[in-house]
Amino acid sequence: MFRHEGGGAYQVASAGTNPSQVRPEAVAVMRELGIDISGHRSKSVHEFDGQSFDYVVTVCDNARDNCPVFPAGTERIHWSFEDPAAVQGGEQERLAAFRRIRDRIHERVKTFLRDRAPTAG
């Protein structure tokens, strides 16, 4: 979402505290927005040890609580969303959960970018 909405203004990395796989539901609901994540892989946050970041955004409470410490100067931001992968039910129920969280994250990303947009000088 940051890559799509940021238009290249941000260098983006994505990782998790307990990586496993990119969920097919996530691929499907992102494709609905014209965003192809089918070639992405699930990465551990530890792949980025030693790198500096301006922002670290966590999107679930477990990630917030288990995210490693980043160097000084990194602004940590937490957006508390339910984990759509935890939803039980058939395909339509799971897709609906992924869409709901996708849309909420999308709005937060747009707000984040709007609030940090460079001002014309």
PDB file of N, CA and C in Angstrom:
ATOM      1  N   MET A   1       0.822  -1.177   0.000  1.00  0.00           N
ATOM      2  CA  MET A   1       0.000   0.000   0.000  1.00  0.00           C
ATOM      3  C   MET A   1       0.876   1.255   0.000  1.00  0.00           C
ATOM      4  N   PHE A   2       1.941   1.256   0.818  1.00  0.00           N
ATOM      5  CA  PHE A   2       2.837   2.414   0.831  1.00  0.00           C
ATOM      6  C   PHE A   2       3.510   2.604  -0.528  1.00  0.00           C
ATOM      7  N   ARG A   3       3.948   1.515  -1.148  1.00  0.00           N
ATOM      8  CA  ARG A   3       4.573   1.634  -2.468  1.00  0.00           C
ATOM      9  C   ARG A   3       3.581   2.205  -3.472  1.00  0.00           C
ATOM     10  N   HIS A   4       2.376   1.706  -3.459  1.00  0.00           N
ATOM     11  CA  HIS A   4       1.336   2.109  -4.411  1.00  0.00           C
ATOM     12  C   HIS A   4       0.948   3.572  -4.213  1.00  0.00           C
ATOM     13  N   GLU A   5       0.663   3.957  -3.003  1.00  0.00           N
ATOM     14  CA  GLU A   5       0.190   5.311  -2.720  1.00  0.00           C
ATOM     15  C   GLU A   5       1.320   6.335  -2.648  1.00  0.00           C
ATOM     16  N   GLY A   6       2.523   5.891  -2.277  1.00  0.00           N
ATOM     17  CA  GLY A   6       3.632   6.815  -2.101  1.00  0.00           C
ATOM     18  C   GLY A   6       4.288   7.260  -3.396  1.00  0.00           C
ATOM     19  N   GLY A   7       3.978   6.577  -4.496  1.00  0.00           N
ATOM     20  CA  GLY A   7       4.511   6.978  -5.786  1.00  0.00           C
ATOM     21  C   GLY A   7       6.024   7.039  -5.846  1.00  0.00           C
ATOM     22  N   GLY A   8       6.699   6.179  -5.124  1.00  0.00           N
ATOM     23  CA  GLY A   8       8.152   6.154  -5.150  1.00  0.00           C
ATOM     24  C   GLY A   8       8.815   7.136  -4.202  1.00  0.00           C
ATOM     25  N   ALA A   9       8.034   7.910  -3.462  1.00  0.00           N
ATOM     26  CA  ALA A   9       8.606   8.886  -2.539  1.00  0.00           C
ATOM     27  C   ALA A   9       9.216   8.226  -1.306  1.00  0.00           C
ATOM     28  N   TYR A  10       8.843   6.994  -1.043  1.00  0.00           N
ATOM     29  CA  TYR A  10       9.340   6.264   0.118  1.00  0.00           C
ATOM     30  C   TYR A  10       9.982   4.967  -0.336  1.00  0.00           C
ATOM     31  N   GLN A  11      11.063   4.601   0.331  1.00  0.00           N
ATOM     32  CA  GLN A  11      11.636   3.277   0.151  1.00  0.00           C
ATOM     33  C   GLN A  11      10.956   2.402   1.206  1.00  0.00           C
ATOM     34  N   VAL A  12      10.319   1.319   0.775  1.00  0.00           N
ATOM     35  CA  VAL A  12       9.457   0.534   1.653  1.00  0.00           C
ATOM     36  C   VAL A  12       9.998  -0.877   1.811  1.00  0.00           C
ATOM     37  N   ALA A  13       9.961  -1.369   3.040  1.00  0.00           N
ATOM     38  CA  ALA A  13      10.287  -2.761   3.340  1.00  0.00           C
ATOM     39  C   ALA A  13       9.133  -3.318   4.164  1.00  0.00           C
ATOM     40  N   SER A  14       8.847  -4.593   3.986  1.00  0.00           N
ATOM     41  CA  SER A  14       7.762  -5.227   4.721  1.00  0.00           C
ATOM     42  C   SER A  14       8.281  -6.512   5.350  1.00  0.00           C
ATOM     43  N   ALA A  15       7.918  -6.701   6.617  1.00  0.00           N
ATOM     44  CA  ALA A  15       8.364  -7.894   7.329  1.00  0.00           C
ATOM     45  C   ALA A  15       7.429  -8.166   8.484  1.00  0.00           C
ATOM     46  N   GLY A  16       7.577  -9.324   9.075  1.00  0.00           N
ATOM     47  CA  GLY A  16       6.737  -9.699  10.204  1.00  0.00           C
ATOM     48  C   GLY A  16       7.545 -10.299  11.327  1.00  0.00           C
ATOM     49  N   THR A  17       6.912 -10.396  12.480  1.00  0.00           N
ATOM     50  CA  THR A  17       7.582 -10.990  13.637  1.00  0.00           C
ATOM     51  C   THR A  17       7.484 -12.506  13.624  1.00  0.00           C
ATOM     52  N   ASN A  18       6.545 -13.043  12.836  1.00  0.00           N
ATOM     53  CA  ASN A  18       6.368 -14.490  12.733  1.00  0.00           C
ATOM     54  C   ASN A  18       5.994 -14.829  11.281  1.00  0.00           C
ATOM     55  N   PRO A  19       6.933 -14.668  10.348  1.00  0.00           N
ATOM     56  CA  PRO A  19       6.598 -14.842   8.934  1.00  0.00           C
ATOM     57  C   PRO A  19       6.281 -16.287   8.584  1.00  0.00           C
ATOM     58  N   SER A  20       5.373 -16.455   7.637  1.00  0.00           N
ATOM     59  CA  SER A  20       5.052 -17.804   7.180  1.00  0.00           C
ATOM     60  C   SER A  20       4.887 -17.826   5.667  1.00  0.00           C
ATOM     61  N   GLN A  21       3.823 -17.223   5.168  1.00  0.00           N
ATOM     62  CA  GLN A  21       3.565 -17.175   3.737  1.00  0.00           C
ATOM     63  C   GLN A  21       2.721 -15.948   3.435  1.00  0.00           C
ATOM     64  N   VAL A  22       2.732 -15.531   2.176  1.00  0.00           N
ATOM     65  CA  VAL A  22       1.821 -14.472   1.765  1.00  0.00           C
ATOM     66  C   VAL A  22       0.491 -15.164   1.502  1.00  0.00           C
ATOM     67  N   ARG A  23      -0.501 -14.758   2.234  1.00  0.00           N
ATOM     68  CA  ARG A  23      -1.800 -15.422   2.155  1.00  0.00           C
ATOM     69  C   ARG A  23      -2.466 -15.196   0.796  1.00  0.00           C
ATOM     70  N   PRO A  24      -3.057 -16.243   0.217  1.00  0.00           N
ATOM     71  CA  PRO A  24      -3.736 -16.082  -1.071  1.00  0.00           C
ATOM     72  C   PRO A  24      -4.871 -15.062  -1.011  1.00  0.00           C
ATOM     73  N   GLU A  25      -5.502 -14.921   0.155  1.00  0.00           N
ATOM     74  CA  GLU A  25      -6.560 -13.926   0.315  1.00  0.00           C
ATOM     75  C   GLU A  25      -5.991 -12.513   0.168  1.00  0.00           C
ATOM     76  N   ALA A  26      -4.782 -12.299   0.714  1.00  0.00           N
ATOM     77  CA  ALA A  26      -4.137 -10.991   0.594  1.00  0.00           C
ATOM     78  C   ALA A  26      -3.808 -10.697  -0.865  1.00  0.00           C
ATOM     79  N   VAL A  27      -3.293 -11.689  -1.572  1.00  0.00           N
ATOM     80  CA  VAL A  27      -2.990 -11.524  -2.994  1.00  0.00           C
ATOM     81  C   VAL A  27      -4.259 -11.156  -3.755  1.00  0.00           C
ATOM     82  N   ALA A  28      -5.352 -11.859  -3.459  1.00  0.00           N
ATOM     83  CA  ALA A  28      -6.615 -11.629  -4.172  1.00  0.00           C
ATOM     84  C   ALA A  28      -7.181 -10.237  -3.915  1.00  0.00           C
ATOM     85  N   VAL A  29      -7.205  -9.799  -2.656  1.00  0.00           N
ATOM     86  CA  VAL A  29      -7.836  -8.505  -2.372  1.00  0.00           C
ATOM     87  C   VAL A  29      -6.954  -7.334  -2.802  1.00  0.00           C
ATOM     88  N   MET A  30      -5.645  -7.522  -2.818  1.00  0.00           N
ATOM     89  CA  MET A  30      -4.780  -6.463  -3.347  1.00  0.00           C
ATOM     90  C   MET A  30      -4.913  -6.380  -4.868  1.00  0.00           C
ATOM     91  N   ARG A  31      -5.071  -7.515  -5.511  1.00  0.00           N
ATOM     92  CA  ARG A  31      -5.276  -7.526  -6.963  1.00  0.00           C
ATOM     93  C   ARG A  31      -6.528  -6.726  -7.333  1.00  0.00           C
ATOM     94  N   GLU A  32      -7.546  -6.740  -6.466  1.00  0.00           N
ATOM     95  CA  GLU A  32      -8.768  -5.972  -6.712  1.00  0.00           C
ATOM     96  C   GLU A  32      -8.475  -4.470  -6.823  1.00  0.00           C
ATOM     97  N   LEU A  33      -7.384  -4.014  -6.209  1.00  0.00           N
ATOM     98  CA  LEU A  33      -6.986  -2.604  -6.279  1.00  0.00           C
ATOM     99  C   LEU A  33      -5.942  -2.365  -7.367  1.00  0.00           C
ATOM    100  N   GLY A  34      -5.626  -3.419  -8.121  1.00  0.00           N
ATOM    101  CA  GLY A  34      -4.619  -3.297  -9.171  1.00  0.00           C
ATOM    102  C   GLY A  34      -3.197  -3.400  -8.650  1.00  0.00           C
ATOM    103  N   ILE A  35      -3.027  -3.967  -7.458  1.00  0.00           N
ATOM    104  CA  ILE A  35      -1.710  -4.122  -6.850  1.00  0.00           C
ATOM    105  C   ILE A  35      -1.368  -5.611  -6.839  1.00  0.00           C
ATOM    106  N   ASP A  36      -0.273  -5.962  -7.516  1.00  0.00           N
ATOM    107  CA  ASP A  36       0.132  -7.369  -7.613  1.00  0.00           C
ATOM    108  C   ASP A  36       1.195  -7.677  -6.564  1.00  0.00           C
ATOM    109  N   ILE A  37       0.827  -8.474  -5.572  1.00  0.00           N
ATOM    110  CA  ILE A  37       1.798  -8.894  -4.553  1.00  0.00           C
ATOM    111  C   ILE A  37       2.078 -10.391  -4.664  1.00  0.00           C
ATOM    112  N   SER A  38       1.691 -10.987  -5.784  1.00  0.00           N
ATOM    113  CA  SER A  38       1.845 -12.434  -5.944  1.00  0.00           C
ATOM    114  C   SER A  38       3.307 -12.873  -5.915  1.00  0.00           C
ATOM    115  N   GLY A  39       4.223 -11.988  -6.254  1.00  0.00           N
ATOM    116  CA  GLY A  39       5.640 -12.335  -6.238  1.00  0.00           C
ATOM    117  C   GLY A  39       6.330 -12.022  -4.919  1.00  0.00           C
ATOM    118  N   HIS A  40       5.593 -11.515  -3.946  1.00  0.00           N
ATOM    119  CA  HIS A  40       6.180 -11.180  -2.647  1.00  0.00           C
ATOM    120  C   HIS A  40       6.394 -12.437  -1.823  1.00  0.00           C
ATOM    121  N   ARG A  41       7.273 -12.332  -0.860  1.00  0.00           N
ATOM    122  CA  ARG A  41       7.481 -13.433   0.085  1.00  0.00           C
ATOM    123  C   ARG A  41       7.402 -12.887   1.492  1.00  0.00           C
ATOM    124  N   SER A  42       7.054 -13.750   2.402  1.00  0.00           N
ATOM    125  CA  SER A  42       6.970 -13.382   3.808  1.00  0.00           C
ATOM    126  C   SER A  42       8.387 -13.324   4.371  1.00  0.00           C
ATOM    127  N   LYS A  43       8.735 -12.191   4.979  1.00  0.00           N
ATOM    128  CA  LYS A  43      10.086 -11.986   5.501  1.00  0.00           C
ATOM    129  C   LYS A  43      10.046 -11.736   7.004  1.00  0.00           C
ATOM    130  N   SER A  44      11.109 -12.131   7.661  1.00  0.00           N
ATOM    131  CA  SER A  44      11.267 -11.854   9.079  1.00  0.00           C
ATOM    132  C   SER A  44      11.819 -10.452   9.259  1.00  0.00           C
ATOM    133  N   VAL A  45      11.344  -9.774  10.285  1.00  0.00           N
ATOM    134  CA  VAL A  45      11.861  -8.449  10.613  1.00  0.00           C
ATOM    135  C   VAL A  45      13.369  -8.508  10.863  1.00  0.00           C
ATOM    136  N   HIS A  46      13.878  -9.666  11.242  1.00  0.00           N
ATOM    137  CA  HIS A  46      15.303  -9.803  11.534  1.00  0.00           C
ATOM    138  C   HIS A  46      16.160  -9.737  10.270  1.00  0.00           C
ATOM    139  N   GLU A  47      15.550  -9.875   9.099  1.00  0.00           N
ATOM    140  CA  GLU A  47      16.296  -9.687   7.844  1.00  0.00           C
ATOM    141  C   GLU A  47      16.773  -8.244   7.714  1.00  0.00           C
ATOM    142  N   PHE A  48      16.187  -7.349   8.493  1.00  0.00           N
ATOM    143  CA  PHE A  48      16.507  -5.933   8.391  1.00  0.00           C
ATOM    144  C   PHE A  48      17.313  -5.424   9.589  1.00  0.00           C
ATOM    145  N   ASP A  49      17.827  -6.360  10.409  1.00  0.00           N
ATOM    146  CA  ASP A  49      18.664  -5.974  11.553  1.00  0.00           C
ATOM    147  C   ASP A  49      19.813  -5.095  11.087  1.00  0.00           C
ATOM    148  N   GLY A  50      20.061  -4.038  11.838  1.00  0.00           N
ATOM    149  CA  GLY A  50      21.177  -3.156  11.533  1.00  0.00           C
ATOM    150  C   GLY A  50      20.866  -2.071  10.524  1.00  0.00           C
ATOM    151  N   GLN A  51      19.717  -2.128   9.865  1.00  0.00           N
ATOM    152  CA  GLN A  51      19.340  -1.093   8.912  1.00  0.00           C
ATOM    153  C   GLN A  51      18.579   0.010   9.638  1.00  0.00           C
ATOM    154  N   SER A  52      18.696   1.203   9.125  1.00  0.00           N
ATOM    155  CA  SER A  52      17.969   2.303   9.749  1.00  0.00           C
ATOM    156  C   SER A  52      16.720   2.615   8.942  1.00  0.00           C
ATOM    157  N   PHE A  53      15.695   3.047   9.656  1.00  0.00           N
ATOM    158  CA  PHE A  53      14.415   3.398   9.061  1.00  0.00           C
ATOM    159  C   PHE A  53      13.932   4.698   9.671  1.00  0.00           C
ATOM    160  N   ASP A  54      13.261   5.500   8.873  1.00  0.00           N
ATOM    161  CA  ASP A  54      12.638   6.704   9.409  1.00  0.00           C
ATOM    162  C   ASP A  54      11.389   6.348  10.209  1.00  0.00           C
ATOM    163  N   TYR A  55      10.628   5.379   9.693  1.00  0.00           N
ATOM    164  CA  TYR A  55       9.383   4.951  10.326  1.00  0.00           C
ATOM    165  C   TYR A  55       9.320   3.431  10.367  1.00  0.00           C
ATOM    166  N   VAL A  56       8.759   2.911  11.440  1.00  0.00           N
ATOM    167  CA  VAL A  56       8.374   1.505  11.532  1.00  0.00           C
ATOM    168  C   VAL A  56       6.911   1.507  11.919  1.00  0.00           C
ATOM    169  N   VAL A  57       6.082   0.914  11.063  1.00  0.00           N
ATOM    170  CA  VAL A  57       4.644   0.861  11.299  1.00  0.00           C
ATOM    171  C   VAL A  57       4.268  -0.584  11.603  1.00  0.00           C
ATOM    172  N   THR A  58       3.689  -0.800  12.773  1.00  0.00           N
ATOM    173  CA  THR A  58       3.162  -2.116  13.103  1.00  0.00           C
ATOM    174  C   THR A  58       1.651  -2.064  12.950  1.00  0.00           C
ATOM    175  N   VAL A  59       1.066  -3.176  12.487  1.00  0.00           N
ATOM    176  CA  VAL A  59      -0.369  -3.173  12.188  1.00  0.00           C
ATOM    177  C   VAL A  59      -1.161  -4.191  12.996  1.00  0.00           C
ATOM    178  N   CYS A  60      -0.510  -4.835  13.942  1.00  0.00           N
ATOM    179  CA  CYS A  60      -1.263  -5.682  14.869  1.00  0.00           C
ATOM    180  C   CYS A  60      -0.565  -5.622  16.218  1.00  0.00           C
ATOM    181  N   ASP A  61      -1.318  -5.883  17.267  1.00  0.00           N
ATOM    182  CA  ASP A  61      -0.783  -5.752  18.619  1.00  0.00           C
ATOM    183  C   ASP A  61       0.377  -6.711  18.869  1.00  0.00           C
ATOM    184  N   ASN A  62       0.312  -7.922  18.316  1.00  0.00           N
ATOM    185  CA  ASN A  62       1.397  -8.885  18.496  1.00  0.00           C
ATOM    186  C   ASN A  62       2.694  -8.336  17.896  1.00  0.00           C
ATOM    187  N   ALA A  63       2.605  -7.731  16.725  1.00  0.00           N
ATOM    188  CA  ALA A  63       3.802  -7.153  16.106  1.00  0.00           C
ATOM    189  C   ALA A  63       4.342  -6.007  16.958  1.00  0.00           C
ATOM    190  N   ARG A  64       3.449  -5.168  17.450  1.00  0.00           N
ATOM    191  CA  ARG A  64       3.884  -4.056  18.308  1.00  0.00           C
ATOM    192  C   ARG A  64       4.627  -4.575  19.529  1.00  0.00           C
ATOM    193  N   ASP A  65       4.074  -5.611  20.142  1.00  0.00           N
ATOM    194  CA  ASP A  65       4.649  -6.130  21.380  1.00  0.00           C
ATOM    195  C   ASP A  65       5.938  -6.913  21.164  1.00  0.00           C
ATOM    196  N   ASN A  66       6.140  -7.445  19.952  1.00  0.00           N
ATOM    197  CA  ASN A  66       7.296  -8.301  19.688  1.00  0.00           C
ATOM    198  C   ASN A  66       8.278  -7.722  18.681  1.00  0.00           C
ATOM    199  N   CYS A  67       8.036  -6.513  18.253  1.00  0.00           N
ATOM    200  CA  CYS A  67       8.918  -5.877  17.274  1.00  0.00           C
ATOM    201  C   CYS A  67      10.237  -5.531  17.947  1.00  0.00           C
ATOM    202  N   PRO A  68      11.345  -5.814  17.283  1.00  0.00           N
ATOM    203  CA  PRO A  68      12.637  -5.481  17.890  1.00  0.00           C
ATOM    204  C   PRO A  68      12.837  -3.973  17.990  1.00  0.00           C
ATOM    205  N   VAL A  69      13.828  -3.597  18.738  1.00  0.00           N
ATOM    206  CA  VAL A  69      14.164  -2.191  18.896  1.00  0.00           C
ATOM    207  C   VAL A  69      14.926  -1.736  17.661  1.00  0.00           C
ATOM    208  N   PHE A  70      14.579  -0.570  17.159  1.00  0.00           N
ATOM    209  CA  PHE A  70      15.283   0.005  16.018  1.00  0.00           C
ATOM    210  C   PHE A  70      16.129   1.164  16.498  1.00  0.00           C
ATOM    211  N   PRO A  71      17.120   1.554  15.699  1.00  0.00           N
ATOM    212  CA  PRO A  71      18.030   2.627  16.131  1.00  0.00           C
ATOM    213  C   PRO A  71      17.304   3.929  16.447  1.00  0.00           C
ATOM    214  N   ALA A  72      17.976   4.770  17.204  1.00  0.00           N
ATOM    215  CA  ALA A  72      17.447   6.099  17.533  1.00  0.00           C
ATOM    216  C   ALA A  72      17.113   6.826  16.243  1.00  0.00           C
ATOM    217  N   GLY A  73      16.072   7.615  16.302  1.00  0.00           N
ATOM    218  CA  GLY A  73      15.650   8.357  15.123  1.00  0.00           C
ATOM    219  C   GLY A  73      14.535   7.678  14.351  1.00  0.00           C
ATOM    220  N   THR A  74      14.253   6.419  14.676  1.00  0.00           N
ATOM    221  CA  THR A  74      13.161   5.703  14.031  1.00  0.00           C
ATOM    222  C   THR A  74      11.869   6.026  14.761  1.00  0.00           C
ATOM    223  N   GLU A  75      10.897   6.524  14.033  1.00  0.00           N
ATOM    224  CA  GLU A  75       9.589   6.788  14.625  1.00  0.00           C
ATOM    225  C   GLU A  75       8.743   5.528  14.517  1.00  0.00           C
ATOM    226  N   ARG A  76       8.336   5.005  15.665  1.00  0.00           N
ATOM    227  CA  ARG A  76       7.474   3.821  15.680  1.00  0.00           C
ATOM    228  C   ARG A  76       6.025   4.271  15.718  1.00  0.00           C
ATOM    229  N   ILE A  77       5.237   3.701  14.814  1.00  0.00           N
ATOM    230  CA  ILE A  77       3.820   4.020  14.691  1.00  0.00           C
ATOM    231  C   ILE A  77       3.058   2.706  14.792  1.00  0.00           C
ATOM    232  N   HIS A  78       2.000   2.712  15.583  1.00  0.00           N
ATOM    233  CA  HIS A  78       1.201   1.489  15.710  1.00  0.00           C
ATOM    234  C   HIS A  78      -0.235   1.728  15.271  1.00  0.00           C
ATOM    235  N   TRP A  79      -0.688   0.876  14.362  1.00  0.00           N
ATOM    236  CA  TRP A  79      -2.084   0.868  13.928  1.00  0.00           C
ATOM    237  C   TRP A  79      -2.641  -0.487  14.329  1.00  0.00           C
ATOM    238  N   SER A  80      -3.571  -0.521  15.230  1.00  0.00           N
ATOM    239  CA  SER A  80      -4.102  -1.774  15.762  1.00  0.00           C
ATOM    240  C   SER A  80      -5.236  -2.300  14.887  1.00  0.00           C
ATOM    241  N   PHE A  81      -4.932  -3.323  14.105  1.00  0.00           N
ATOM    242  CA  PHE A  81      -5.931  -3.985  13.261  1.00  0.00           C
ATOM    243  C   PHE A  81      -6.046  -5.440  13.666  1.00  0.00           C
ATOM    244  N   GLU A  82      -7.241  -5.989  13.491  1.00  0.00           N
ATOM    245  CA  GLU A  82      -7.418  -7.419  13.723  1.00  0.00           C
ATOM    246  C   GLU A  82      -6.643  -8.175  12.643  1.00  0.00           C
ATOM    247  N   ASP A  83      -6.240  -9.389  12.967  1.00  0.00           N
ATOM    248  CA  ASP A  83      -5.538 -10.231  12.004  1.00  0.00           C
ATOM    249  C   ASP A  83      -6.572 -10.944  11.137  1.00  0.00           C
ATOM    250  N   PRO A  84      -6.679 -10.591   9.855  1.00  0.00           N
ATOM    251  CA  PRO A  84      -7.689 -11.241   9.018  1.00  0.00           C
ATOM    252  C   PRO A  84      -7.407 -12.729   8.811  1.00  0.00           C
ATOM    253  N   ALA A  85      -6.157 -13.143   8.981  1.00  0.00           N
ATOM    254  CA  ALA A  85      -5.821 -14.552   8.823  1.00  0.00           C
ATOM    255  C   ALA A  85      -6.432 -15.400   9.934  1.00  0.00           C
ATOM    256  N   ALA A  86      -6.849 -14.771  11.026  1.00  0.00           N
ATOM    257  CA  ALA A  86      -7.445 -15.507  12.142  1.00  0.00           C
ATOM    258  C   ALA A  86      -8.931 -15.777  11.934  1.00  0.00           C
ATOM    259  N   VAL A  87      -9.525 -15.180  10.898  1.00  0.00           N
ATOM    260  CA  VAL A  87     -10.961 -15.354  10.656  1.00  0.00           C
ATOM    261  C   VAL A  87     -11.242 -16.771  10.180  1.00  0.00           C
ATOM    262  N   GLN A  88     -12.210 -17.396  10.803  1.00  0.00           N
ATOM    263  CA  GLN A  88     -12.643 -18.738  10.427  1.00  0.00           C
ATOM    264  C   GLN A  88     -13.816 -18.626   9.465  1.00  0.00           C
ATOM    265  N   GLY A  89     -14.041 -19.655   8.718  1.00  0.00           N
ATOM    266  CA  GLY A  89     -15.185 -19.661   7.819  1.00  0.00           C
ATOM    267  C   GLY A  89     -14.771 -19.998   6.408  1.00  0.00           C
ATOM    268  N   GLY A  90     -15.721 -19.845   5.527  1.00  0.00           N
ATOM    269  CA  GLY A  90     -15.487 -20.155   4.129  1.00  0.00           C
ATOM    270  C   GLY A  90     -14.694 -19.064   3.430  1.00  0.00           C
ATOM    271  N   GLU A  91     -14.448 -19.288   2.164  1.00  0.00           N
ATOM    272  CA  GLU A  91     -13.636 -18.379   1.373  1.00  0.00           C
ATOM    273  C   GLU A  91     -14.202 -16.956   1.370  1.00  0.00           C
ATOM    274  N   GLN A  92     -15.515 -16.826   1.230  1.00  0.00           N
ATOM    275  CA  GLN A  92     -16.118 -15.490   1.178  1.00  0.00           C
ATOM    276  C   GLN A  92     -15.963 -14.742   2.499  1.00  0.00           C
ATOM    277  N   GLU A  93     -16.078 -15.434   3.620  1.00  0.00           N
ATOM    278  CA  GLU A  93     -15.890 -14.794   4.931  1.00  0.00           C
ATOM    279  C   GLU A  93     -14.437 -14.336   5.100  1.00  0.00           C
ATOM    280  N   ARG A  94     -13.507 -15.181   4.680  1.00  0.00           N
ATOM    281  CA  ARG A  94     -12.085 -14.813   4.797  1.00  0.00           C
ATOM    282  C   ARG A  94     -11.757 -13.638   3.886  1.00  0.00           C
ATOM    283  N   LEU A  95     -12.255 -13.676   2.652  1.00  0.00           N
ATOM    284  CA  LEU A  95     -12.008 -12.567   1.724  1.00  0.00           C
ATOM    285  C   LEU A  95     -12.604 -11.264   2.259  1.00  0.00           C
ATOM    286  N   ALA A  96     -13.788 -11.342   2.831  1.00  0.00           N
ATOM    287  CA  ALA A  96     -14.425 -10.147   3.402  1.00  0.00           C
ATOM    288  C   ALA A  96     -13.565  -9.563   4.522  1.00  0.00           C
ATOM    289  N   ALA A  97     -12.995 -10.420   5.363  1.00  0.00           N
ATOM    290  CA  ALA A  97     -12.133  -9.945   6.447  1.00  0.00           C
ATOM    291  C   ALA A  97     -10.877  -9.284   5.881  1.00  0.00           C
ATOM    292  N   PHE A  98     -10.264  -9.884   4.879  1.00  0.00           N
ATOM    293  CA  PHE A  98      -9.072  -9.301   4.268  1.00  0.00           C
ATOM    294  C   PHE A  98      -9.406  -7.971   3.591  1.00  0.00           C
ATOM    295  N   ARG A  99     -10.555  -7.885   2.939  1.00  0.00           N
ATOM    296  CA  ARG A  99     -10.964  -6.614   2.309  1.00  0.00           C
ATOM    297  C   ARG A  99     -11.161  -5.519   3.361  1.00  0.00           C
ATOM    298  N   ARG A 100     -11.815  -5.865   4.449  1.00  0.00           N
ATOM    299  CA  ARG A 100     -12.089  -4.886   5.501  1.00  0.00           C
ATOM    300  C   ARG A 100     -10.784  -4.318   6.062  1.00  0.00           C
ATOM    301  N   ILE A 101      -9.832  -5.192   6.360  1.00  0.00           N
ATOM    302  CA  ILE A 101      -8.558  -4.735   6.911  1.00  0.00           C
ATOM    303  C   ILE A 101      -7.749  -4.004   5.839  1.00  0.00           C
ATOM    304  N   ARG A 102      -7.776  -4.501   4.602  1.00  0.00           N
ATOM    305  CA  ARG A 102      -7.094  -3.808   3.503  1.00  0.00           C
ATOM    306  C   ARG A 102      -7.589  -2.368   3.388  1.00  0.00           C
ATOM    307  N   ASP A 103      -8.898  -2.193   3.427  1.00  0.00           N
ATOM    308  CA  ASP A 103      -9.470  -0.857   3.269  1.00  0.00           C
ATOM    309  C   ASP A 103      -9.114   0.054   4.439  1.00  0.00           C
ATOM    310  N   ARG A 104      -9.092  -0.495   5.636  1.00  0.00           N
ATOM    311  CA  ARG A 104      -8.720   0.312   6.803  1.00  0.00           C
ATOM    312  C   ARG A 104      -7.250   0.717   6.738  1.00  0.00           C
ATOM    313  N   ILE A 105      -6.391  -0.221   6.344  1.00  0.00           N
ATOM    314  CA  ILE A 105      -4.969   0.094   6.193  1.00  0.00           C
ATOM    315  C   ILE A 105      -4.786   1.123   5.079  1.00  0.00           C
ATOM    316  N   HIS A 106      -5.509   0.950   3.988  1.00  0.00           N
ATOM    317  CA  HIS A 106      -5.414   1.876   2.864  1.00  0.00           C
ATOM    318  C   HIS A 106      -5.713   3.303   3.319  1.00  0.00           C
ATOM    319  N   GLU A 107      -6.772   3.484   4.089  1.00  0.00           N
ATOM    320  CA  GLU A 107      -7.120   4.813   4.589  1.00  0.00           C
ATOM    321  C   GLU A 107      -6.039   5.374   5.506  1.00  0.00           C
ATOM    322  N   ARG A 108      -5.483   4.537   6.359  1.00  0.00           N
ATOM    323  CA  ARG A 108      -4.423   4.996   7.267  1.00  0.00           C
ATOM    324  C   ARG A 108      -3.173   5.396   6.494  1.00  0.00           C
ATOM    325  N   VAL A 109      -2.833   4.629   5.462  1.00  0.00           N
ATOM    326  CA  VAL A 109      -1.663   4.955   4.644  1.00  0.00           C
ATOM    327  C   VAL A 109      -1.873   6.291   3.944  1.00  0.00           C
ATOM    328  N   LYS A 110      -3.052   6.503   3.374  1.00  0.00           N
ATOM    329  CA  LYS A 110      -3.323   7.768   2.690  1.00  0.00           C
ATOM    330  C   LYS A 110      -3.245   8.946   3.669  1.00  0.00           C
ATOM    331  N   THR A 111      -3.767   8.766   4.864  1.00  0.00           N
ATOM    332  CA  THR A 111      -3.691   9.814   5.885  1.00  0.00           C
ATOM    333  C   THR A 111      -2.244  10.078   6.276  1.00  0.00           C
ATOM    334  N   PHE A 112      -1.488   9.018   6.503  1.00  0.00           N
ATOM    335  CA  PHE A 112      -0.071   9.136   6.850  1.00  0.00           C
ATOM    336  C   PHE A 112       0.663   9.952   5.790  1.00  0.00           C
ATOM    337  N   LEU A 113       0.483   9.600   4.526  1.00  0.00           N
ATOM    338  CA  LEU A 113       1.180  10.291   3.438  1.00  0.00           C
ATOM    339  C   LEU A 113       0.716  11.741   3.300  1.00  0.00           C
ATOM    340  N   ARG A 114      -0.558  11.969   3.448  1.00  0.00           N
ATOM    341  CA  ARG A 114      -1.091  13.334   3.356  1.00  0.00           C
ATOM    342  C   ARG A 114      -0.528  14.203   4.481  1.00  0.00           C
ATOM    343  N   ASP A 115      -0.482  13.647   5.696  1.00  0.00           N
ATOM    344  CA  ASP A 115       0.016  14.416   6.839  1.00  0.00           C
ATOM    345  C   ASP A 115       1.506  14.711   6.765  1.00  0.00           C
ATOM    346  N   ARG A 116       2.239  13.937   5.988  1.00  0.00           N
ATOM    347  CA  ARG A 116       3.689  14.115   5.894  1.00  0.00           C
ATOM    348  C   ARG A 116       4.123  14.630   4.519  1.00  0.00           C
ATOM    349  N   ALA A 117       3.163  15.064   3.732  1.00  0.00           N
ATOM    350  CA  ALA A 117       3.484  15.577   2.396  1.00  0.00           C
ATOM    351  C   ALA A 117       4.340  16.823   2.518  1.00  0.00           C
ATOM    352  N   PRO A 118       5.347  16.932   1.641  1.00  0.00           N
ATOM    353  CA  PRO A 118       6.160  18.152   1.681  1.00  0.00           C
ATOM    354  C   PRO A 118       5.316  19.378   1.343  1.00  0.00           C
ATOM    355  N   THR A 119       5.598  20.456   1.999  1.00  0.00           N
ATOM    356  CA  THR A 119       4.855  21.683   1.738  1.00  0.00           C
ATOM    357  C   THR A 119       5.546  22.461   0.634  1.00  0.00           C
ATOM    358  N   ALA A 120       4.748  23.117  -0.182  1.00  0.00           N
ATOM    359  CA  ALA A 120       5.314  23.936  -1.260  1.00  0.00           C
ATOM    360  C   ALA A 120       5.991  25.152  -0.652  1.00  0.00           C
ATOM    361  N   GLY A 121       7.171  25.457  -1.175  1.00  0.00           N
ATOM    362  CA  GLY A 121       7.910  26.549  -0.578  1.00  0.00           C
ATOM    363  C   GLY A 121       7.939  27.691  -1.451  1.00  0.00           C
TER     364      GLY A 121
END
